[in-house]
Amino acid sequence: GFAAEVGSIRLLFLMGQAQCCVNRGGPGDFFGFASRALLRPPPVLKAPDRGLTVATWNIAAINNNPFEYWITHDDELYTNLMDGVESFIENPADQDVPIHMVFSDEKFGELVALMKVESWGGVDVVQRLWESDYRDRKIVAGFMKDKVIGAKRLASMPDRMTNTINVAGGGPPACRPTVVNNYVGPLESVDAWWSEWRDFMFSQELQMEAKGKVKAQRPCELLGKISRSKYPALSVEEEEVSVPLQCLCQAIFDCILVHMMAVLSPDGRWQQIKASIVDAIFSRKHANTIRVLKTACQEIEVICLQESASNFKAVLEKDMGQNYHVIVPQDVDPKRDQNSMILLSKERFASGAYQEVTAKVLEELGSGAPVERGDLLAVVAEDNVGQAFLVASFHGDTNGLATKPVVSAVAKVLAKQSAGCNLIFGMDANTYIKPKEGMQDVGDFLEHCASLGLRTCFSDEDDMKDCFTCCNARTFLQPQLNKAVRSAEKMIKGDLNPKDHIIFQRESYDVVACYKDNTGERKYLENTCFPTLQFPSDHGVVSTVLKPASDGACKA
């Protein structure tokens, strides 16, 4: 019966014979054994003799907007709130009032006075544009959904410059008072917002580092001219007055969002929802990441991480340094904070000696592929019995166009290593299930790997639709509304793709088992948007148990 079947499967796993399967079931199933919801991986993954345990995880760079993507939240208010935002933007009806009824003439007058103090040219032109145009535009149809404003970057450009500002000394970043960042100050009303916003933009001096020097600057001083040659939707006049004009548009944008949230949540509870997301995914990002690593990756021998902040190395060394060597690129990027890192088990790699070969891979790659500083880390290391490994961790560009060239370059460096060197390559490949021009589809990627004698940790028989490691979609509470996905269409139009892979030589290893985790509880919930309050990344953890290849080709 079923009990006997379950017992047989457990025995197969313990004997190291269970093949990589995928979860095709519902929310309770774990990636590992199809239709066996009762089975989960053991607390610690153990490889057979001369085998290896490996994990890869894009821990995700900190998102400055806690509302940008649909998440799974414990409080039903979150879903109601985000559905309300969608309805407000899509079908505002009589809520689509003129801008001056939200951002009042009085507030505009105060803004004009502040801009004149800055001696910005063209403030008088902006006053005319306010009176003749912006003042009477509808807040949704005439502003939030106006594609021309988007094309001119009049709201997105100042948001990019002042949304979240890194300060010198490594302290918490400064956040502009707005709904769409990690600011958690008072935003219960437009009036409460305005006093905070005005003071932040024009009065608050921040210590900022640029070119090795620290300088005090106010956020308003970060606004620069928008070039018409780059954004031709701008008129000649708008280019000339683009500094005060974008300041006005930023104020209108932020004001509309605060107004909308006050309409949808008049009791102010939306701020509690925001605070809970900020706490889990921003303030406690490192702590929650470490918690997941200690469960989903417990005692795994090689861990490849992507999109790590440069200061995360110190966190890893403090919390996991007793058991792991923490390796970061020599050319780590402290500003972009999307660095690949590698953890090597001290039990398996006792000496900790390694040679970084990232530069050699980049030399083989050339200059054509879109690889940024910190995206790639490659090292050569030997384990306790003298087995050589080329271990690499890589974060691909959004479209995945660099992935195949990088794999080829790594393969070339591997070929130059001593005989018997084994490749272990964990990556966010940014591969997509559907072939589309300008995007790297997973089928073509796997064929490319096969042509190099490589394979992924997923079984050859697996349908890649069952190997998704991402499930996310943009909400209507972010500046790029053209990318927003309706709540009812998250599982249809969202980002559900098999992006994360562990690559190795087919002649060296067979897969004993393969797992994924998007909960931090050693299970994977299919068709569930993440991150969540418990899981701080939009990529799942992928782990695998490898054994020497059955043909005996694995080098000892």
Protein backbone atom coordinates (compact mmCIF):
# COMPACT_ATOMS: atom_id res chain seq x y z
CA GLY A 1 0.00 0.00 0.00
CA PHE A 2 0.90 3.68 0.27
CA ALA A 3 2.86 3.20 3.51
CA ALA A 4 5.01 0.55 1.90
CA GLU A 5 5.59 2.80 -1.08
CA VAL A 6 6.66 5.67 1.17
CA GLY A 7 8.98 3.35 3.07
CA SER A 8 10.55 2.19 -0.17
CA ILE A 9 11.15 5.76 -1.27
CA ARG A 10 12.81 6.62 2.04
CA LEU A 11 15.10 3.62 1.62
CA LEU A 12 15.99 4.69 -1.90
CA PHE A 13 16.94 8.14 -0.66
CA LEU A 14 19.03 6.84 2.21
CA MET A 15 20.85 4.56 -0.21
CA GLY A 16 21.67 7.59 -2.32
CA GLN A 17 19.71 6.34 -5.31
CA ALA A 18 16.80 8.82 -5.42
CA GLN A 19 16.86 10.73 -8.67
CA CYS A 20 16.13 14.42 -9.08
CA CYS A 21 12.38 14.86 -9.25
CA VAL A 22 10.18 17.91 -9.17
CA ASN A 23 7.24 19.01 -7.13
CA ARG A 24 4.16 18.91 -9.31
CA GLY A 25 1.77 19.20 -6.41
CA GLY A 26 0.17 21.92 -4.36
CA PRO A 27 1.25 24.20 -1.58
CA GLY A 28 2.22 21.45 0.84
CA ASP A 29 4.64 19.64 -1.44
CA PHE A 30 8.41 19.91 -1.30
CA PHE A 31 10.58 19.88 -4.37
CA GLY A 32 12.17 16.47 -4.37
CA PHE A 33 9.70 13.63 -4.84
CA ALA A 34 6.74 14.01 -7.18
CA SER A 35 3.38 13.57 -5.44
CA ARG A 36 4.98 12.55 -2.12
CA ALA A 37 3.98 15.45 0.08
CA LEU A 38 4.94 13.52 3.24
CA LEU A 39 8.60 13.47 2.29
CA ARG A 40 11.05 16.26 2.93
CA PRO A 41 14.82 16.22 2.71
CA PRO A 42 16.66 15.19 5.87
CA PRO A 43 17.79 18.00 8.21
CA VAL A 44 21.31 17.68 6.79
CA LEU A 45 22.06 16.69 3.20
CA LYS A 46 24.86 14.14 3.04
CA ALA A 47 26.66 13.07 -0.11
CA PRO A 48 27.93 9.53 -0.72
CA ASP A 49 31.66 8.83 -0.82
CA ARG A 50 33.44 11.22 -3.23
CA GLY A 51 30.16 13.00 -3.81
CA LEU A 52 29.29 16.60 -2.97
CA THR A 53 26.44 18.73 -1.66
CA VAL A 54 25.90 22.09 -3.37
CA ALA A 55 23.44 24.98 -3.08
CA THR A 56 22.91 28.17 -5.03
CA TRP A 57 20.83 31.17 -4.01
CA ASN A 58 20.35 34.65 -5.35
CA ILE A 59 19.70 36.33 -2.01
CA ALA A 60 18.44 39.42 -3.92
CA ALA A 61 19.74 42.93 -3.56
CA ILE A 62 17.68 45.05 -1.17
CA ASN A 63 14.65 46.49 -2.96
CA ASN A 64 14.13 50.15 -2.18
CA ASN A 65 10.36 49.83 -2.75
CA PRO A 66 8.66 47.35 -0.39
CA PHE A 67 5.48 47.50 -2.48
CA GLU A 68 7.04 47.02 -5.92
CA TYR A 69 6.30 43.30 -6.18
CA TRP A 70 3.41 41.18 -5.04
CA ILE A 71 4.43 39.26 -1.94
CA THR A 72 2.71 36.72 0.28
CA HIS A 73 1.77 38.46 3.54
CA ASP A 74 0.31 37.05 6.76
CA ASP A 75 -2.19 39.89 7.09
CA GLU A 76 -5.22 39.84 4.77
CA LEU A 77 -5.14 43.63 4.83
CA TYR A 78 -2.12 43.50 2.51
CA THR A 79 -4.09 41.75 -0.22
CA ASN A 80 -7.08 44.05 0.24
CA LEU A 81 -4.81 47.10 0.15
CA MET A 82 -2.97 46.05 -3.01
CA ASP A 83 -6.22 45.10 -4.73
CA GLY A 84 -7.48 48.54 -3.77
CA VAL A 85 -4.44 50.21 -5.33
CA GLU A 86 -5.00 48.24 -8.52
CA SER A 87 -8.64 49.31 -8.65
CA PHE A 88 -7.75 52.94 -7.87
CA ILE A 89 -5.30 53.06 -10.78
CA GLU A 90 -7.31 50.98 -13.22
CA ASN A 91 -10.82 52.33 -12.50
CA PRO A 92 -10.60 55.49 -10.38
CA ALA A 93 -14.06 56.84 -11.38
CA ASP A 94 -14.85 59.94 -9.29
CA GLN A 95 -11.61 59.49 -7.33
CA ASP A 96 -9.71 60.77 -10.36
CA VAL A 97 -9.73 64.35 -9.12
CA PRO A 98 -7.65 67.31 -10.39
CA ILE A 99 -4.11 67.50 -9.03
CA HIS A 100 -4.75 70.81 -7.24
CA MET A 101 -7.33 69.09 -5.03
CA VAL A 102 -4.55 66.83 -3.73
CA PHE A 103 -1.39 68.91 -4.11
CA SER A 104 -2.89 72.28 -3.28
CA ASP A 105 -2.06 75.72 -4.68
CA GLU A 106 -0.76 76.58 -1.22
CA LYS A 107 1.72 73.72 -1.26
CA PHE A 108 2.73 74.60 -4.80
CA GLY A 109 3.41 78.17 -3.66
CA GLU A 110 5.64 76.89 -0.85
CA LEU A 111 7.51 74.70 -3.33
CA VAL A 112 8.04 77.65 -5.68
CA ALA A 113 9.51 79.70 -2.85
CA LEU A 114 11.91 76.90 -1.94
CA MET A 115 13.00 76.43 -5.55
CA LYS A 116 13.66 80.16 -5.95
CA VAL A 117 15.95 80.06 -2.91
CA GLU A 118 17.98 77.44 -4.79
CA SER A 119 18.35 79.93 -7.66
CA TRP A 120 17.12 77.33 -10.14
CA GLY A 121 16.54 78.79 -13.56
CA GLY A 122 13.07 78.48 -15.05
CA VAL A 123 10.96 78.51 -11.89
CA ASP A 124 8.75 81.15 -13.50
CA VAL A 125 8.22 78.79 -16.48
CA VAL A 126 7.24 75.99 -14.08
CA GLN A 127 4.72 78.36 -12.47
CA ARG A 128 3.18 78.94 -15.89
CA LEU A 129 3.12 75.20 -16.64
CA TRP A 130 1.41 74.60 -13.29
CA GLU A 131 -1.32 77.10 -14.01
CA SER A 132 -1.86 76.13 -17.65
CA ASP A 133 -1.34 72.36 -17.46
CA TYR A 134 -0.41 70.36 -14.38
CA ARG A 135 -2.79 71.97 -11.89
CA ASP A 136 -5.93 70.69 -13.59
CA ARG A 137 -4.69 67.31 -14.78
CA LYS A 138 -6.49 64.31 -13.28
CA ILE A 139 -4.29 62.53 -10.75
CA VAL A 140 -4.58 59.12 -12.43
CA ALA A 141 -5.42 59.56 -16.11
CA GLY A 142 -3.53 62.84 -16.43
CA PHE A 143 -0.48 62.03 -14.35
CA MET A 144 0.06 58.53 -12.96
CA LYS A 145 -0.88 56.84 -16.24
CA ASP A 146 0.45 59.54 -18.56
CA LYS A 147 2.98 57.78 -20.79
CA VAL A 148 4.48 61.06 -21.95
CA ILE A 149 5.52 62.01 -18.42
CA GLY A 150 7.12 58.58 -18.22
CA ALA A 151 8.92 59.07 -21.51
CA LYS A 152 10.24 62.42 -20.30
CA ARG A 153 11.43 60.82 -17.00
CA LEU A 154 10.04 63.79 -15.09
CA ALA A 155 8.99 61.66 -12.11
CA SER A 156 11.20 58.58 -12.44
CA MET A 157 14.49 60.50 -12.75
CA PRO A 158 14.19 62.46 -9.49
CA ASP A 159 12.88 59.31 -7.80
CA ARG A 160 16.00 57.48 -8.93
CA MET A 161 18.22 60.21 -7.46
CA THR A 162 16.45 60.76 -4.14
CA ASN A 163 14.42 57.63 -3.34
CA THR A 164 17.10 56.04 -1.17
CA ILE A 165 20.39 57.82 -0.60
CA ASN A 166 23.46 56.01 0.74
CA VAL A 167 25.33 58.06 3.31
CA ALA A 168 29.00 58.04 4.24
CA GLY A 169 30.11 55.85 7.11
CA GLY A 170 27.94 52.86 6.27
CA GLY A 171 24.92 53.99 8.28
CA PRO A 172 21.30 53.40 7.28
CA PRO A 173 20.42 55.11 3.99
CA ALA A 174 18.31 58.25 3.95
CA CYS A 175 14.84 57.68 2.50
CA ARG A 176 12.71 60.37 0.88
CA PRO A 177 9.30 60.58 2.58
CA THR A 178 7.21 58.58 0.14
CA VAL A 179 5.09 55.45 -0.05
CA VAL A 180 7.44 53.68 -2.47
CA ASN A 181 10.58 53.24 -0.40
CA ASN A 182 11.60 52.08 3.06
CA TYR A 183 10.67 55.32 4.79
CA VAL A 184 8.59 54.51 7.87
CA GLY A 185 7.93 58.02 9.21
CA PRO A 186 4.46 59.57 9.44
CA LEU A 187 2.50 59.46 6.18
CA GLU A 188 -1.03 59.32 7.52
CA SER A 189 -2.11 62.40 5.57
CA VAL A 190 -0.97 64.69 2.79
CA ASP A 191 -0.30 67.47 5.30
CA ALA A 192 1.83 65.19 7.48
CA TRP A 193 3.72 64.03 4.40
CA TRP A 194 4.31 67.51 3.01
CA SER A 195 6.15 68.89 6.03
CA GLU A 196 8.43 65.84 6.10
CA TRP A 197 9.02 65.86 2.33
CA ARG A 198 9.74 69.60 2.16
CA ASP A 199 12.28 69.44 4.96
CA PHE A 200 13.97 66.33 3.59
CA MET A 201 14.39 67.70 0.08
CA PHE A 202 15.48 71.25 0.93
CA SER A 203 16.80 71.31 4.51
CA GLN A 204 18.33 67.97 5.48
CA GLU A 205 22.07 67.80 4.88
CA LEU A 206 23.43 64.32 4.20
CA GLN A 207 27.05 63.26 4.33
CA MET A 208 27.66 61.61 0.95
CA GLU A 209 30.80 60.07 -0.47
CA ALA A 210 31.84 60.69 -4.07
CA LYS A 211 35.22 59.92 -5.64
CA GLY A 212 36.74 59.19 -2.24
CA LYS A 213 35.62 62.47 -0.68
CA VAL A 214 32.78 63.11 1.77
CA LYS A 215 30.59 66.10 1.07
CA ALA A 216 27.46 67.47 2.74
CA GLN A 217 24.59 67.73 0.28
CA ARG A 218 20.84 68.22 0.44
CA PRO A 219 18.66 65.89 -1.67
CA CYS A 220 17.45 68.76 -3.86
CA GLU A 221 21.06 69.32 -4.94
CA LEU A 222 21.13 65.82 -6.45
CA LEU A 223 18.64 66.78 -9.15
CA GLY A 224 20.27 67.40 -12.49
CA LYS A 225 19.23 68.49 -15.94
CA ILE A 226 17.46 65.86 -18.05
CA SER A 227 18.95 65.69 -21.52
CA ARG A 228 16.62 66.02 -24.51
CA SER A 229 19.12 64.13 -26.66
CA LYS A 230 18.61 61.10 -24.42
CA TYR A 231 14.91 61.63 -23.78
CA PRO A 232 13.58 63.27 -26.96
CA ALA A 233 10.01 63.42 -25.65
CA LEU A 234 11.11 66.55 -23.77
CA SER A 235 10.52 69.89 -25.43
CA VAL A 236 13.33 72.42 -25.68
CA GLU A 237 11.69 74.48 -22.95
CA GLU A 238 11.18 71.47 -20.67
CA GLU A 239 14.85 70.53 -20.99
CA GLU A 240 15.85 74.06 -19.97
CA VAL A 241 13.66 73.99 -16.85
CA SER A 242 13.98 70.25 -16.15
CA VAL A 243 15.43 70.67 -12.64
CA PRO A 244 12.49 72.59 -11.10
CA LEU A 245 10.00 70.76 -13.33
CA GLN A 246 11.12 67.33 -12.16
CA CYS A 247 11.07 68.55 -8.56
CA LEU A 248 7.43 69.53 -9.05
CA CYS A 249 6.58 66.22 -10.71
CA GLN A 250 8.27 64.31 -7.89
CA ALA A 251 6.22 66.22 -5.33
CA ILE A 252 3.00 65.54 -7.27
CA PHE A 253 3.85 61.83 -7.64
CA ASP A 254 4.59 61.35 -3.94
CA CYS A 255 1.57 63.39 -2.93
CA ILE A 256 -0.81 61.35 -5.09
CA LEU A 257 0.47 58.12 -3.55
CA VAL A 258 -0.03 59.38 0.01
CA HIS A 259 -3.50 60.62 -0.90
CA MET A 260 -4.40 57.27 -2.48
CA MET A 261 -3.26 55.30 0.57
CA ALA A 262 -5.23 57.60 2.86
CA VAL A 263 -8.35 56.99 0.75
CA LEU A 264 -7.84 53.22 0.73
CA SER A 265 -6.83 52.91 4.37
CA PRO A 266 -8.27 55.89 6.27
CA ASP A 267 -7.40 54.31 9.62
CA GLY A 268 -3.72 54.40 8.62
CA ARG A 269 -3.19 50.66 9.00
CA TRP A 270 -1.46 50.57 5.64
CA GLN A 271 1.56 52.04 7.41
CA GLN A 272 1.66 48.97 9.68
CA ILE A 273 1.66 46.74 6.61
CA LYS A 274 4.49 48.75 5.11
CA ALA A 275 6.46 48.67 8.37
CA SER A 276 6.15 44.87 8.55
CA ILE A 277 7.50 44.48 5.00
CA VAL A 278 10.32 46.98 5.61
CA ASP A 279 11.27 45.13 8.80
CA ALA A 280 11.38 41.70 7.13
CA ILE A 281 12.92 42.53 3.76
CA PHE A 282 14.96 45.66 4.53
CA SER A 283 15.80 46.15 8.20
CA ARG A 284 16.19 42.44 8.97
CA LYS A 285 17.31 41.40 5.50
CA HIS A 286 20.67 40.04 6.64
CA ALA A 287 19.30 38.29 9.71
CA ASN A 288 16.53 36.57 7.72
CA THR A 289 18.99 35.59 4.99
CA ILE A 290 21.29 33.96 7.54
CA ARG A 291 18.32 32.12 9.08
CA VAL A 292 17.41 30.64 5.68
CA LEU A 293 21.03 29.69 4.97
CA LYS A 294 21.23 27.86 8.30
CA THR A 295 18.13 25.81 7.50
CA ALA A 296 17.90 25.31 3.74
CA CYS A 297 21.69 25.06 3.37
CA GLN A 298 22.65 23.44 6.67
CA GLU A 299 26.10 21.80 6.37
CA ILE A 300 26.05 21.93 2.56
CA GLU A 301 29.65 21.80 1.36
CA VAL A 302 29.58 24.43 -1.43
CA ILE A 303 27.19 27.39 -1.36
CA CYS A 304 27.06 29.89 -4.21
CA LEU A 305 25.40 33.25 -3.50
CA GLN A 306 24.45 36.07 -5.85
CA GLU A 307 23.41 39.72 -5.45
CA SER A 308 25.11 40.03 -2.06
CA ALA A 309 25.85 43.42 -0.54
CA SER A 310 29.56 43.96 0.03
CA ASN A 311 29.03 44.29 3.79
CA PHE A 312 27.30 40.89 3.86
CA LYS A 313 30.74 39.27 3.95
CA ALA A 314 31.21 40.47 7.52
CA VAL A 315 27.77 39.10 8.44
CA LEU A 316 28.61 35.72 6.90
CA GLU A 317 31.96 35.55 8.68
CA LYS A 318 30.34 36.36 12.01
CA ASP A 319 27.41 33.95 11.74
CA MET A 320 28.80 31.18 9.54
CA GLY A 321 32.55 31.67 9.60
CA GLN A 322 33.07 28.90 12.13
CA ASN A 323 32.00 26.36 9.50
CA TYR A 324 32.72 28.10 6.18
CA HIS A 325 35.42 29.94 4.32
CA VAL A 326 33.76 33.08 2.95
CA ILE A 327 35.08 34.12 -0.46
CA VAL A 328 34.24 37.38 -2.24
CA PRO A 329 35.61 38.81 -5.50
CA GLN A 330 38.85 40.74 -5.27
CA ASP A 331 37.09 43.39 -7.34
CA VAL A 332 34.03 43.50 -5.09
CA ASP A 333 31.59 46.32 -5.91
CA PRO A 334 30.71 48.22 -2.70
CA LYS A 335 28.21 50.57 -4.36
CA ARG A 336 26.16 48.39 -6.70
CA ASP A 337 25.93 45.76 -3.93
CA GLN A 338 25.16 42.86 -6.25
CA ASN A 339 28.19 40.66 -5.67
CA SER A 340 28.56 36.93 -6.08
CA MET A 341 30.09 35.06 -3.14
CA ILE A 342 31.11 31.47 -2.37
CA LEU A 343 31.06 29.54 0.90
CA LEU A 344 33.30 26.47 1.17
CA SER A 345 32.82 24.04 4.04
CA LYS A 346 35.80 23.99 6.40
CA GLU A 347 35.13 20.31 7.02
CA ARG A 348 35.50 19.51 3.29
CA PHE A 349 37.99 22.26 2.37
CA ALA A 350 40.00 22.43 5.60
CA SER A 351 42.97 24.45 4.35
CA GLY A 352 40.83 27.21 2.90
CA ALA A 353 43.44 27.77 0.21
CA TYR A 354 42.11 28.91 -3.13
CA GLN A 355 43.12 30.85 -6.20
CA GLU A 356 40.69 33.34 -7.70
CA VAL A 357 40.42 32.97 -11.47
CA THR A 358 37.62 35.48 -12.11
CA ALA A 359 39.95 37.69 -14.16
CA LYS A 360 40.89 34.73 -16.36
CA VAL A 361 37.22 34.00 -17.05
CA LEU A 362 36.57 37.65 -17.91
CA GLU A 363 39.59 37.60 -20.22
CA GLU A 364 38.13 34.61 -22.05
CA LEU A 365 34.75 36.33 -22.11
CA GLY A 366 35.89 39.52 -23.78
CA SER A 367 33.95 42.77 -23.70
CA GLY A 368 30.78 41.83 -25.56
CA ALA A 369 28.69 40.26 -22.78
CA PRO A 370 26.76 42.43 -20.28
CA VAL A 371 28.66 41.40 -17.14
CA GLU A 372 28.98 43.98 -14.38
CA ARG A 373 31.60 44.23 -11.67
CA GLY A 374 30.87 41.70 -8.94
CA ASP A 375 28.49 39.57 -11.03
CA LEU A 376 31.00 36.72 -11.32
CA LEU A 377 33.28 34.95 -8.88
CA ALA A 378 35.40 31.94 -9.88
CA VAL A 379 37.97 30.17 -7.70
CA VAL A 380 40.05 27.01 -7.83
CA ALA A 381 40.31 25.06 -4.57
CA GLU A 382 41.27 21.57 -3.36
CA ASP A 383 39.38 19.51 -0.83
CA ASN A 384 40.93 17.39 1.92
CA VAL A 385 41.82 14.49 -0.41
CA GLY A 386 43.38 16.68 -3.07
CA GLN A 387 40.40 16.81 -5.46
CA ALA A 388 40.57 20.06 -7.42
CA PHE A 389 37.42 22.10 -8.05
CA LEU A 390 36.69 25.14 -10.14
CA VAL A 391 33.83 26.74 -8.22
CA ALA A 392 31.95 29.64 -9.77
CA SER A 393 29.00 31.82 -8.79
CA PHE A 394 27.30 34.12 -11.29
CA HIS A 395 24.40 36.55 -11.50
CA GLY A 396 23.18 37.00 -15.06
CA ASP A 397 21.77 40.15 -16.60
CA THR A 398 17.98 40.56 -16.59
CA ASN A 399 17.54 39.09 -20.07
CA GLY A 400 20.05 36.30 -19.49
CA LEU A 401 22.08 37.23 -22.56
CA ALA A 402 25.42 36.97 -20.73
CA THR A 403 24.75 33.49 -19.36
CA LYS A 404 25.83 31.35 -22.31
CA PRO A 405 28.99 33.38 -23.00
CA VAL A 406 29.96 33.21 -19.31
CA VAL A 407 29.42 29.43 -19.20
CA SER A 408 31.60 29.09 -22.30
CA ALA A 409 34.32 31.25 -20.75
CA VAL A 410 34.27 29.26 -17.52
CA ALA A 411 34.51 26.03 -19.54
CA LYS A 412 37.61 27.39 -21.29
CA VAL A 413 39.27 28.21 -17.97
CA LEU A 414 38.29 24.77 -16.68
CA ALA A 415 40.03 23.16 -19.66
CA LYS A 416 43.27 24.89 -18.64
CA GLN A 417 43.23 23.49 -15.11
CA SER A 418 45.05 20.36 -14.02
CA ALA A 419 43.59 17.06 -15.17
CA GLY A 420 40.69 15.92 -13.05
CA CYS A 421 39.49 19.36 -11.94
CA ASN A 422 35.72 19.30 -11.41
CA LEU A 423 33.41 22.23 -12.15
CA ILE A 424 30.73 23.35 -9.68
CA PHE A 425 28.86 26.39 -10.99
CA GLY A 426 25.91 27.92 -9.12
CA MET A 427 24.07 30.68 -10.93
CA ASP A 428 21.07 32.88 -11.37
CA ALA A 429 21.10 32.32 -15.12
CA ASN A 430 17.99 34.44 -15.76
CA THR A 431 16.68 31.81 -18.15
CA TYR A 432 13.06 31.88 -19.29
CA ILE A 433 10.58 29.13 -20.02
CA LYS A 434 9.24 30.69 -23.25
CA PRO A 435 11.55 31.43 -26.17
CA LYS A 436 11.44 35.15 -26.93
CA GLU A 437 13.70 37.38 -28.96
CA GLY A 438 16.22 39.15 -26.77
CA MET A 439 15.68 36.74 -23.85
CA GLN A 440 17.63 33.61 -22.97
CA ASP A 441 15.26 30.64 -23.01
CA VAL A 442 16.08 27.71 -20.77
CA GLY A 443 15.91 25.07 -23.50
CA ASP A 444 18.60 26.77 -25.56
CA PHE A 445 20.68 27.28 -22.40
CA LEU A 446 20.55 23.58 -21.50
CA GLU A 447 21.50 22.61 -25.05
CA HIS A 448 24.47 24.95 -24.82
CA CYS A 449 25.57 23.34 -21.55
CA ALA A 450 25.22 19.89 -23.09
CA SER A 451 27.42 20.91 -26.02
CA LEU A 452 30.17 21.67 -23.47
CA GLY A 453 29.75 18.37 -21.64
CA LEU A 454 27.85 20.05 -18.80
CA ARG A 455 24.46 19.46 -17.24
CA THR A 456 22.18 21.03 -14.65
CA CYS A 457 21.10 19.60 -11.31
CA PHE A 458 17.59 19.11 -12.68
CA SER A 459 16.88 15.73 -14.21
CA ASP A 460 17.08 15.33 -17.98
CA GLU A 461 13.51 14.06 -17.86
CA ASP A 462 12.14 17.03 -15.92
CA ASP A 463 9.81 19.45 -17.62
CA MET A 464 11.32 22.89 -16.96
CA LYS A 465 7.82 24.15 -16.18
CA ASP A 466 8.16 22.13 -12.99
CA CYS A 467 11.53 23.67 -12.13
CA PHE A 468 10.51 27.30 -11.56
CA THR A 469 12.61 29.09 -8.95
CA CYS A 470 10.89 32.49 -9.18
CA CYS A 471 7.30 33.60 -8.75
CA ASN A 472 6.81 37.34 -8.69
CA ALA A 473 4.99 40.17 -10.44
CA ARG A 474 5.00 43.95 -10.21
CA THR A 475 2.15 45.67 -8.41
CA PHE A 476 0.45 48.97 -9.30
CA LEU A 477 2.31 50.69 -6.48
CA GLN A 478 5.50 51.53 -8.39
CA PRO A 479 6.45 54.07 -11.07
CA GLN A 480 6.49 51.75 -14.10
CA LEU A 481 2.76 51.09 -14.43
CA ASN A 482 3.26 49.59 -17.88
CA LYS A 483 4.90 46.64 -16.09
CA ALA A 484 2.18 46.22 -13.45
CA VAL A 485 0.35 42.87 -13.32
CA ARG A 486 -3.22 42.54 -12.13
CA SER A 487 -3.75 40.44 -9.03
CA ALA A 488 -5.83 37.88 -10.92
CA GLU A 489 -3.09 37.48 -13.54
CA LYS A 490 -0.05 37.04 -11.29
CA MET A 491 0.34 33.37 -12.17
CA ILE A 492 -0.22 34.05 -15.88
CA LYS A 493 1.77 37.22 -16.58
CA GLY A 494 4.15 37.17 -13.64
CA ASP A 495 7.77 36.05 -13.61
CA LEU A 496 7.50 32.27 -13.17
CA ASN A 497 10.68 30.87 -14.65
CA PRO A 498 13.46 28.31 -14.06
CA LYS A 499 16.21 30.85 -13.46
CA ASP A 500 18.53 29.20 -10.95
CA HIS A 501 20.83 26.29 -11.78
CA ILE A 502 23.78 24.27 -10.54
CA ILE A 503 26.01 23.23 -13.44
CA PHE A 504 28.68 20.50 -13.45
CA GLN A 505 30.38 18.04 -15.82
CA ARG A 506 28.18 15.17 -16.89
CA GLU A 507 31.16 12.82 -16.83
CA SER A 508 31.93 13.70 -13.21
CA TYR A 509 28.68 13.50 -11.28
CA ASP A 510 25.20 12.03 -11.22
CA VAL A 511 22.36 13.62 -9.27
CA VAL A 512 21.17 11.79 -6.16
CA ALA A 513 18.51 14.37 -5.32
CA CYS A 514 17.63 17.99 -6.02
CA TYR A 515 15.56 20.36 -3.90
CA LYS A 516 14.30 23.91 -3.84
CA ASP A 517 13.05 26.10 -0.99
CA ASN A 518 11.11 29.38 -0.98
CA THR A 519 9.99 29.31 2.65
CA GLY A 520 13.10 28.94 4.78
CA GLU A 521 11.38 25.84 6.19
CA ARG A 522 12.87 23.28 3.78
CA LYS A 523 9.86 23.28 1.49
CA TYR A 524 8.73 25.01 -1.69
CA LEU A 525 5.25 26.46 -2.18
CA GLU A 526 4.31 26.41 -5.85
CA ASN A 527 2.22 29.25 -7.33
CA THR A 528 3.01 31.46 -4.35
CA CYS A 529 4.50 34.91 -4.79
CA PHE A 530 7.69 35.57 -2.89
CA PRO A 531 9.51 37.16 -1.13
CA THR A 532 7.43 36.76 2.00
CA LEU A 533 7.88 38.04 5.53
CA GLN A 534 9.75 34.81 6.26
CA PHE A 535 11.70 34.44 3.01
CA PRO A 536 13.61 37.59 1.97
CA SER A 537 14.41 36.88 -1.69
CA ASP A 538 12.54 36.62 -4.97
CA HIS A 539 14.65 33.57 -5.91
CA GLY A 540 14.34 30.15 -4.33
CA VAL A 541 17.25 28.19 -2.91
CA VAL A 542 18.30 25.30 -5.14
CA SER A 543 20.33 22.47 -3.58
CA THR A 544 21.56 19.14 -4.83
CA VAL A 545 23.29 15.97 -3.66
CA LEU A 546 25.83 14.67 -6.18
CA LYS A 547 27.54 11.29 -6.42
CA PRO A 548 30.40 10.12 -8.63
CA ALA A 549 29.17 9.43 -12.15
CA SER A 550 27.96 5.89 -12.63
CA ASP A 551 30.39 5.33 -15.50
CA GLY A 552 33.23 5.81 -13.07
CA ALA A 553 34.58 8.87 -14.83
CA CYS A 554 34.55 11.05 -11.71
CA LYS A 555 38.12 11.85 -10.76
CA ALA A 556 39.32 10.97 -7.30
